[in-house]
Amino acid sequence: MYYESGAKYFWISLFTSLIVSSIVCLVLIVFVSPYITQKKTKVDVPNVKGMKEDQASLVLKNKDLLLLISEEREDPNYENGVILDQDPLPGFTIEKGSLIKVTMNKKSAPLIGEDAIPDVRGQQLMQAKERLEKSGYIVGRIEFQESESYLKDQVMSMNPAPGSKSMKGTIINIIVSTGVSEITVPNVYRKSVSGARIRLEKAGLKLGNVRYTTNIELPFDIVVSQHPSSGTKVNSGSSVDIVVNREGTY
């Protein structure tokens, strides 16, 4: 009797353990395993554009990703050896261990070597362009801006800056002066002081010195003369002096 009772309890305990173990395994498989697997195998792609190869490799390694230089091209606006593009793009979710293909910036070999960029500021555009090209550089983007310091068609700015060390064949972008815009002085004769100021400011000019005189043959509180005279060409922002007629001088 004792043997039969012990055997009975043994089999009950065994079956109970098997049932509990099966339930635990089922829960782990259904609910926990996918979550753990996803966490282990999926990762967001980091942004490595603008990095050098060593830095990008380290960043990707920390994400369990691999770097592959699949293409090289030259972009003068970026430093040599910098990553210009990547595939997949930043933000995508991929499997750990995947390859990140990158395009690396590779500049052409210099014509002669590094040298100081000549200073062509103040030179006429064609003269400056000829000097830069003879020195082994390439004139790139040319922009035009108004300037009071440089005459029309003179080079006023360079990028890279003059005197900086750069490889032959480097692209030099320049800004050229258009000079100062000329404005025709409007006629403010017989205007009040406030009326003259408004008309001059609308034309892009300023009211300068105001002097007074007395002429009983003319109405009072009006402009009776101006300098420069109307019709004269002056630079934008120039001042125009006026003489105002009024009753009695002070």
C-alpha atoms as a PDB file:
ATOM      1  CA  MET A   1       0.000   0.000   0.000  1.00  0.00           C
ATOM      2  CA  TYR A   2       2.774   2.420   0.873  1.00  0.00           C
ATOM      3  CA  TYR A   3       4.552   1.696  -2.441  1.00  0.00           C
ATOM      4  CA  GLU A   4       1.409   2.256  -4.450  1.00  0.00           C
ATOM      5  CA  SER A   5       0.683   5.575  -2.689  1.00  0.00           C
ATOM      6  CA  GLY A   6       4.262   6.838  -3.269  1.00  0.00           C
ATOM      7  CA  ALA A   7       4.158   5.892  -6.937  1.00  0.00           C
ATOM      8  CA  LYS A   8       0.842   7.677  -7.311  1.00  0.00           C
ATOM      9  CA  TYR A   9       2.250  10.919  -5.843  1.00  0.00           C
ATOM     10  CA  PHE A  10       5.355  10.627  -8.015  1.00  0.00           C
ATOM     11  CA  TRP A  11       3.376  10.427 -11.236  1.00  0.00           C
ATOM     12  CA  ILE A  12       1.071  13.256 -10.177  1.00  0.00           C
ATOM     13  CA  SER A  13       4.089  15.498  -9.400  1.00  0.00           C
ATOM     14  CA  LEU A  14       5.741  14.550 -12.685  1.00  0.00           C
ATOM     15  CA  PHE A  15       2.683  15.334 -14.785  1.00  0.00           C
ATOM     16  CA  THR A  16       2.128  18.598 -12.893  1.00  0.00           C
ATOM     17  CA  SER A  17       5.746  19.680 -13.513  1.00  0.00           C
ATOM     18  CA  LEU A  18       5.486  18.831 -17.198  1.00  0.00           C
ATOM     19  CA  ILE A  19       2.264  20.803 -17.557  1.00  0.00           C
ATOM     20  CA  VAL A  20       3.711  23.874 -15.764  1.00  0.00           C
ATOM     21  CA  SER A  21       6.928  23.693 -17.802  1.00  0.00           C
ATOM     22  CA  SER A  22       4.955  23.473 -21.031  1.00  0.00           C
ATOM     23  CA  ILE A  23       2.880  26.518 -20.088  1.00  0.00           C
ATOM     24  CA  VAL A  24       6.011  28.538 -19.209  1.00  0.00           C
ATOM     25  CA  CYS A  25       7.703  27.562 -22.490  1.00  0.00           C
ATOM     26  CA  LEU A  26       4.592  28.491 -24.443  1.00  0.00           C
ATOM     27  CA  VAL A  27       4.467  31.933 -22.811  1.00  0.00           C
ATOM     28  CA  LEU A  28       8.153  32.501 -23.538  1.00  0.00           C
ATOM     29  CA  ILE A  29       7.774  31.433 -27.175  1.00  0.00           C
ATOM     30  CA  VAL A  30       4.616  33.399 -27.885  1.00  0.00           C
ATOM     31  CA  PHE A  31       5.177  36.607 -25.941  1.00  0.00           C
ATOM     32  CA  VAL A  32       8.808  37.055 -24.950  1.00  0.00           C
ATOM     33  CA  SER A  33      10.835  35.447 -27.731  1.00  0.00           C
ATOM     34  CA  PRO A  34       9.724  37.806 -30.578  1.00  0.00           C
ATOM     35  CA  TYR A  35      10.458  40.842 -28.434  1.00  0.00           C
ATOM     36  CA  ILE A  36      13.928  39.607 -27.477  1.00  0.00           C
ATOM     37  CA  THR A  37      14.691  38.562 -31.053  1.00  0.00           C
ATOM     38  CA  GLN A  38      13.616  41.921 -32.447  1.00  0.00           C
ATOM     39  CA  LYS A  39      15.688  43.813 -29.899  1.00  0.00           C
ATOM     40  CA  LYS A  40      18.737  41.731 -30.734  1.00  0.00           C
ATOM     41  CA  THR A  41      18.493  41.855 -34.535  1.00  0.00           C
ATOM     42  CA  LYS A  42      17.046  45.268 -35.427  1.00  0.00           C
ATOM     43  CA  VAL A  43      18.846  48.636 -35.203  1.00  0.00           C
ATOM     44  CA  ASP A  44      18.311  52.198 -36.455  1.00  0.00           C
ATOM     45  CA  VAL A  45      20.772  53.408 -39.102  1.00  0.00           C
ATOM     46  CA  PRO A  46      22.924  56.295 -37.759  1.00  0.00           C
ATOM     47  CA  ASN A  47      23.912  59.333 -39.823  1.00  0.00           C
ATOM     48  CA  VAL A  48      27.550  59.072 -40.970  1.00  0.00           C
ATOM     49  CA  LYS A  49      27.455  61.684 -43.720  1.00  0.00           C
ATOM     50  CA  GLY A  50      30.202  64.272 -43.277  1.00  0.00           C
ATOM     51  CA  MET A  51      32.392  61.859 -41.279  1.00  0.00           C
ATOM     52  CA  LYS A  52      35.787  60.435 -42.181  1.00  0.00           C
ATOM     53  CA  GLU A  53      36.072  56.667 -42.720  1.00  0.00           C
ATOM     54  CA  ASP A  54      37.564  55.849 -39.282  1.00  0.00           C
ATOM     55  CA  GLN A  55      34.925  57.816 -37.382  1.00  0.00           C
ATOM     56  CA  ALA A  56      32.079  56.371 -39.446  1.00  0.00           C
ATOM     57  CA  SER A  57      33.375  52.817 -38.959  1.00  0.00           C
ATOM     58  CA  LEU A  58      33.434  53.308 -35.181  1.00  0.00           C
ATOM     59  CA  VAL A  59      29.900  54.730 -35.118  1.00  0.00           C
ATOM     60  CA  LEU A  60      28.579  51.834 -37.196  1.00  0.00           C
ATOM     61  CA  LYS A  61      30.508  49.259 -35.180  1.00  0.00           C
ATOM     62  CA  ASN A  62      28.766  50.484 -32.030  1.00  0.00           C
ATOM     63  CA  LYS A  63      25.478  49.662 -33.786  1.00  0.00           C
ATOM     64  CA  ASP A  64      26.775  46.245 -34.990  1.00  0.00           C
ATOM     65  CA  LEU A  65      26.797  47.491 -38.586  1.00  0.00           C
ATOM     66  CA  LEU A  66      29.505  47.358 -41.249  1.00  0.00           C
ATOM     67  CA  LEU A  67      30.913  50.085 -43.522  1.00  0.00           C
ATOM     68  CA  LEU A  68      31.391  49.531 -47.267  1.00  0.00           C
ATOM     69  CA  ILE A  69      32.831  52.232 -49.551  1.00  0.00           C
ATOM     70  CA  SER A  70      30.839  51.486 -52.688  1.00  0.00           C
ATOM     71  CA  GLU A  71      31.586  54.657 -54.657  1.00  0.00           C
ATOM     72  CA  GLU A  72      34.022  57.581 -54.823  1.00  0.00           C
ATOM     73  CA  ARG A  73      33.408  60.968 -56.391  1.00  0.00           C
ATOM     74  CA  GLU A  74      34.866  64.462 -56.191  1.00  0.00           C
ATOM     75  CA  ASP A  75      33.025  67.338 -54.515  1.00  0.00           C
ATOM     76  CA  PRO A  76      35.133  70.516 -54.130  1.00  0.00           C
ATOM     77  CA  ASN A  77      32.825  71.828 -51.406  1.00  0.00           C
ATOM     78  CA  TYR A  78      33.848  69.078 -48.958  1.00  0.00           C
ATOM     79  CA  GLU A  79      37.112  67.886 -47.444  1.00  0.00           C
ATOM     80  CA  ASN A  80      38.876  64.943 -49.036  1.00  0.00           C
ATOM     81  CA  GLY A  81      37.921  61.570 -47.494  1.00  0.00           C
ATOM     82  CA  VAL A  82      34.558  62.754 -46.172  1.00  0.00           C
ATOM     83  CA  ILE A  83      31.432  60.627 -46.658  1.00  0.00           C
ATOM     84  CA  LEU A  84      29.056  62.375 -49.083  1.00  0.00           C
ATOM     85  CA  ASP A  85      26.136  59.935 -49.073  1.00  0.00           C
ATOM     86  CA  GLN A  86      24.986  56.666 -47.539  1.00  0.00           C
ATOM     87  CA  ASP A  87      22.588  53.802 -48.242  1.00  0.00           C
ATOM     88  CA  PRO A  88      20.388  53.063 -46.317  1.00  0.00           C
ATOM     89  CA  LEU A  89      19.656  56.630 -45.217  1.00  0.00           C
ATOM     90  CA  PRO A  90      19.701  57.623 -41.526  1.00  0.00           C
ATOM     91  CA  GLY A  91      16.614  56.590 -39.565  1.00  0.00           C
ATOM     92  CA  PHE A  92      15.892  53.332 -41.386  1.00  0.00           C
ATOM     93  CA  THR A  93      15.662  50.161 -39.275  1.00  0.00           C
ATOM     94  CA  ILE A  94      17.751  47.222 -40.509  1.00  0.00           C
ATOM     95  CA  GLU A  95      19.199  43.932 -39.280  1.00  0.00           C
ATOM     96  CA  LYS A  96      22.347  44.027 -37.175  1.00  0.00           C
ATOM     97  CA  GLY A  97      25.391  42.993 -39.156  1.00  0.00           C
ATOM     98  CA  SER A  98      24.110  44.694 -42.324  1.00  0.00           C
ATOM     99  CA  LEU A  99      26.321  46.716 -44.663  1.00  0.00           C
ATOM    100  CA  ILE A 100      26.035  50.503 -44.906  1.00  0.00           C
ATOM    101  CA  LYS A 101      27.176  51.551 -48.384  1.00  0.00           C
ATOM    102  CA  VAL A 102      28.770  55.004 -48.542  1.00  0.00           C
ATOM    103  CA  THR A 103      30.032  57.402 -51.207  1.00  0.00           C
ATOM    104  CA  MET A 104      33.424  58.869 -50.316  1.00  0.00           C
ATOM    105  CA  ASN A 105      34.749  62.242 -51.457  1.00  0.00           C
ATOM    106  CA  LYS A 106      37.992  61.771 -53.358  1.00  0.00           C
ATOM    107  CA  LYS A 107      39.613  64.878 -54.791  1.00  0.00           C
ATOM    108  CA  SER A 108      41.813  64.781 -57.844  1.00  0.00           C
ATOM    109  CA  ALA A 109      45.549  64.963 -57.380  1.00  0.00           C
ATOM    110  CA  PRO A 110      46.947  68.525 -57.364  1.00  0.00           C
ATOM    111  CA  LEU A 111      48.536  69.860 -60.528  1.00  0.00           C
ATOM    112  CA  ILE A 112      51.722  70.964 -58.776  1.00  0.00           C
ATOM    113  CA  GLY A 113      51.120  71.021 -55.051  1.00  0.00           C
ATOM    114  CA  GLU A 114      49.866  73.315 -52.357  1.00  0.00           C
ATOM    115  CA  ASP A 115      50.492  77.013 -52.731  1.00  0.00           C
ATOM    116  CA  ALA A 116      49.149  80.306 -51.433  1.00  0.00           C
ATOM    117  CA  ILE A 117      46.093  81.546 -53.325  1.00  0.00           C
ATOM    118  CA  PRO A 118      46.942  84.896 -54.965  1.00  0.00           C
ATOM    119  CA  ASP A 119      45.065  87.996 -53.815  1.00  0.00           C
ATOM    120  CA  VAL A 120      43.048  89.385 -56.726  1.00  0.00           C
ATOM    121  CA  ARG A 121      40.830  91.697 -54.695  1.00  0.00           C
ATOM    122  CA  GLY A 122      40.590  95.121 -56.269  1.00  0.00           C
ATOM    123  CA  GLN A 123      41.418  93.754 -59.723  1.00  0.00           C
ATOM    124  CA  GLN A 124      38.983  93.856 -62.621  1.00  0.00           C
ATOM    125  CA  LEU A 125      37.052  90.620 -63.107  1.00  0.00           C
ATOM    126  CA  MET A 126      38.731  89.502 -66.357  1.00  0.00           C
ATOM    127  CA  GLN A 127      42.205  90.353 -65.026  1.00  0.00           C
ATOM    128  CA  ALA A 128      41.548  88.481 -61.772  1.00  0.00           C
ATOM    129  CA  LYS A 129      40.145  85.455 -63.597  1.00  0.00           C
ATOM    130  CA  GLU A 130      43.192  85.276 -65.859  1.00  0.00           C
ATOM    131  CA  ARG A 131      45.614  85.486 -62.926  1.00  0.00           C
ATOM    132  CA  LEU A 132      43.849  82.753 -60.939  1.00  0.00           C
ATOM    133  CA  GLU A 133      43.740  80.406 -63.910  1.00  0.00           C
ATOM    134  CA  LYS A 134      47.420  81.004 -64.729  1.00  0.00           C
ATOM    135  CA  SER A 135      48.211  80.140 -61.110  1.00  0.00           C
ATOM    136  CA  GLY A 136      46.512  76.765 -61.546  1.00  0.00           C
ATOM    137  CA  TYR A 137      43.153  77.505 -59.906  1.00  0.00           C
ATOM    138  CA  ILE A 138      39.600  77.323 -61.267  1.00  0.00           C
ATOM    139  CA  VAL A 139      37.203  80.265 -61.069  1.00  0.00           C
ATOM    140  CA  GLY A 140      33.877  78.899 -59.860  1.00  0.00           C
ATOM    141  CA  ARG A 141      30.782  80.830 -58.833  1.00  0.00           C
ATOM    142  CA  ILE A 142      30.788  84.573 -59.569  1.00  0.00           C
ATOM    143  CA  GLU A 143      28.353  86.756 -57.622  1.00  0.00           C
ATOM    144  CA  PHE A 144      27.713  90.481 -57.927  1.00  0.00           C
ATOM    145  CA  GLN A 145      27.024  92.868 -55.036  1.00  0.00           C
ATOM    146  CA  GLU A 146      26.748  96.620 -54.586  1.00  0.00           C
ATOM    147  CA  SER A 147      29.741  98.218 -52.859  1.00  0.00           C
ATOM    148  CA  GLU A 148      30.891 101.689 -51.899  1.00  0.00           C
ATOM    149  CA  SER A 149      34.499 100.514 -51.356  1.00  0.00           C
ATOM    150  CA  TYR A 150      35.117  98.857 -54.734  1.00  0.00           C
ATOM    151  CA  LEU A 151      34.542 100.209 -58.218  1.00  0.00           C
ATOM    152  CA  LYS A 152      32.306  98.452 -60.701  1.00  0.00           C
ATOM    153  CA  ASP A 153      33.669  95.051 -61.911  1.00  0.00           C
ATOM    154  CA  GLN A 154      36.367  94.912 -59.222  1.00  0.00           C
ATOM    155  CA  VAL A 155      36.766  91.677 -57.218  1.00  0.00           C
ATOM    156  CA  MET A 156      35.802  92.413 -53.612  1.00  0.00           C
ATOM    157  CA  SER A 157      35.820  88.953 -51.973  1.00  0.00           C
ATOM    158  CA  MET A 158      37.257  85.461 -52.505  1.00  0.00           C
ATOM    159  CA  ASN A 159      36.527  81.995 -51.083  1.00  0.00           C
ATOM    160  CA  PRO A 160      38.871  80.322 -50.130  1.00  0.00           C
ATOM    161  CA  ALA A 161      40.500  83.481 -48.795  1.00  0.00           C
ATOM    162  CA  PRO A 162      43.611  84.881 -50.503  1.00  0.00           C
ATOM    163  CA  GLY A 163      46.875  83.703 -48.977  1.00  0.00           C
ATOM    164  CA  SER A 164      45.428  80.417 -47.696  1.00  0.00           C
ATOM    165  CA  LYS A 165      47.237  77.216 -48.646  1.00  0.00           C
ATOM    166  CA  SER A 166      45.315  75.183 -51.203  1.00  0.00           C
ATOM    167  CA  MET A 167      45.908  72.583 -53.883  1.00  0.00           C
ATOM    168  CA  LYS A 168      46.260  73.606 -57.468  1.00  0.00           C
ATOM    169  CA  GLY A 169      42.961  73.008 -59.207  1.00  0.00           C
ATOM    170  CA  THR A 170      40.941  74.283 -56.239  1.00  0.00           C
ATOM    171  CA  ILE A 171      37.745  76.124 -57.182  1.00  0.00           C
ATOM    172  CA  ILE A 172      37.790  79.804 -56.166  1.00  0.00           C
ATOM    173  CA  ASN A 173      34.418  81.535 -55.783  1.00  0.00           C
ATOM    174  CA  ILE A 174      34.487  85.324 -56.056  1.00  0.00           C
ATOM    175  CA  ILE A 175      32.204  88.295 -55.423  1.00  0.00           C
ATOM    176  CA  VAL A 176      32.404  91.240 -57.826  1.00  0.00           C
ATOM    177  CA  SER A 177      31.353  94.817 -57.126  1.00  0.00           C
ATOM    178  CA  THR A 178      28.582  96.463 -59.134  1.00  0.00           C
ATOM    179  CA  GLY A 179      29.639  99.839 -57.735  1.00  0.00           C
ATOM    180  CA  VAL A 180      27.033 102.098 -56.167  1.00  0.00           C
ATOM    181  CA  SER A 181      23.656 102.653 -57.772  1.00  0.00           C
ATOM    182  CA  GLU A 182      23.204 106.162 -59.145  1.00  0.00           C
ATOM    183  CA  ILE A 183      19.984 108.067 -58.503  1.00  0.00           C
ATOM    184  CA  THR A 184      18.582 111.119 -60.260  1.00  0.00           C
ATOM    185  CA  VAL A 185      18.009 113.920 -57.749  1.00  0.00           C
ATOM    186  CA  PRO A 186      14.304 114.851 -57.715  1.00  0.00           C
ATOM    187  CA  ASN A 187      13.035 118.438 -57.844  1.00  0.00           C
ATOM    188  CA  VAL A 188      11.979 119.686 -54.377  1.00  0.00           C
ATOM    189  CA  TYR A 189      11.559 123.356 -55.380  1.00  0.00           C
ATOM    190  CA  ARG A 190       8.529 124.984 -53.663  1.00  0.00           C
ATOM    191  CA  LYS A 191       8.129 121.959 -51.367  1.00  0.00           C
ATOM    192  CA  SER A 192       7.876 122.330 -47.597  1.00  0.00           C
ATOM    193  CA  VAL A 193      10.747 120.975 -45.526  1.00  0.00           C
ATOM    194  CA  SER A 194       8.743 117.847 -44.614  1.00  0.00           C
ATOM    195  CA  GLY A 195       7.566 117.453 -48.212  1.00  0.00           C
ATOM    196  CA  ALA A 196      11.159 117.724 -49.488  1.00  0.00           C
ATOM    197  CA  ARG A 197      12.342 115.132 -46.948  1.00  0.00           C
ATOM    198  CA  ILE A 198       9.612 112.656 -47.942  1.00  0.00           C
ATOM    199  CA  ARG A 199      10.331 113.036 -51.663  1.00  0.00           C
ATOM    200  CA  LEU A 200      14.097 112.614 -51.209  1.00  0.00           C
ATOM    201  CA  GLU A 201      13.724 109.522 -49.006  1.00  0.00           C
ATOM    202  CA  LYS A 202      11.376 107.913 -51.518  1.00  0.00           C
ATOM    203  CA  ALA A 203      14.098 108.407 -54.130  1.00  0.00           C
ATOM    204  CA  GLY A 204      16.714 106.752 -51.905  1.00  0.00           C
ATOM    205  CA  LEU A 205      18.365 110.002 -50.805  1.00  0.00           C
ATOM    206  CA  LYS A 206      18.618 111.952 -47.530  1.00  0.00           C
ATOM    207  CA  LEU A 207      17.797 115.519 -46.549  1.00  0.00           C
ATOM    208  CA  GLY A 208      21.045 117.276 -45.749  1.00  0.00           C
ATOM    209  CA  ASN A 209      21.652 120.775 -44.381  1.00  0.00           C
ATOM    210  CA  VAL A 210      18.695 123.150 -44.192  1.00  0.00           C
ATOM    211  CA  ARG A 211      19.508 126.881 -44.497  1.00  0.00           C
ATOM    212  CA  TYR A 212      17.106 129.810 -44.477  1.00  0.00           C
ATOM    213  CA  THR A 213      16.707 133.020 -46.431  1.00  0.00           C
ATOM    214  CA  THR A 214      14.070 135.722 -46.784  1.00  0.00           C
ATOM    215  CA  ASN A 215      12.582 136.685 -50.114  1.00  0.00           C
ATOM    216  CA  ILE A 216       9.324 138.655 -49.921  1.00  0.00           C
ATOM    217  CA  GLU A 217       8.619 137.934 -53.583  1.00  0.00           C
ATOM    218  CA  LEU A 218       8.175 134.226 -52.859  1.00  0.00           C
ATOM    219  CA  PRO A 219       5.865 132.335 -50.501  1.00  0.00           C
ATOM    220  CA  PHE A 220       7.297 131.588 -47.083  1.00  0.00           C
ATOM    221  CA  ASP A 221       8.208 128.132 -45.699  1.00  0.00           C
ATOM    222  CA  ILE A 222       9.031 126.630 -49.077  1.00  0.00           C
ATOM    223  CA  VAL A 223      12.276 125.377 -50.678  1.00  0.00           C
ATOM    224  CA  VAL A 224      13.733 128.022 -52.951  1.00  0.00           C
ATOM    225  CA  SER A 225      16.943 126.214 -53.957  1.00  0.00           C
ATOM    226  CA  GLN A 226      18.667 122.839 -53.602  1.00  0.00           C
ATOM    227  CA  HIS A 227      22.111 121.296 -53.995  1.00  0.00           C
ATOM    228  CA  PRO A 228      22.746 119.125 -55.943  1.00  0.00           C
ATOM    229  CA  SER A 229      20.206 120.485 -58.398  1.00  0.00           C
ATOM    230  CA  SER A 230      17.378 118.354 -59.722  1.00  0.00           C
ATOM    231  CA  GLY A 231      18.348 115.982 -62.527  1.00  0.00           C
ATOM    232  CA  THR A 232      21.882 115.437 -61.158  1.00  0.00           C
ATOM    233  CA  LYS A 233      23.122 111.829 -60.872  1.00  0.00           C
ATOM    234  CA  VAL A 234      24.326 110.941 -57.359  1.00  0.00           C
ATOM    235  CA  ASN A 235      25.065 107.767 -55.393  1.00  0.00           C
ATOM    236  CA  SER A 236      22.286 106.068 -53.496  1.00  0.00           C
ATOM    237  CA  GLY A 237      22.006 107.468 -49.957  1.00  0.00           C
ATOM    238  CA  SER A 238      23.543 110.839 -50.803  1.00  0.00           C
ATOM    239  CA  SER A 239      22.376 114.009 -49.066  1.00  0.00           C
ATOM    240  CA  VAL A 240      20.653 116.964 -50.702  1.00  0.00           C
ATOM    241  CA  ASP A 241      20.976 120.407 -49.075  1.00  0.00           C
ATOM    242  CA  ILE A 242      18.109 122.893 -49.320  1.00  0.00           C
ATOM    243  CA  VAL A 243      17.446 126.617 -48.731  1.00  0.00           C
ATOM    244  CA  VAL A 244      14.040 127.503 -47.277  1.00  0.00           C
ATOM    245  CA  ASN A 245      12.335 130.895 -47.605  1.00  0.00           C
ATOM    246  CA  ARG A 246      10.813 132.229 -44.393  1.00  0.00           C
ATOM    247  CA  GLU A 247       9.661 135.488 -42.905  1.00  0.00           C
ATOM    248  CA  GLY A 248      12.680 137.056 -41.211  1.00  0.00           C
ATOM    249  CA  THR A 249      16.045 135.409 -40.648  1.00  0.00           C
ATOM    250  CA  TYR A 250      17.368 134.341 -37.285  1.00  0.00           C
END
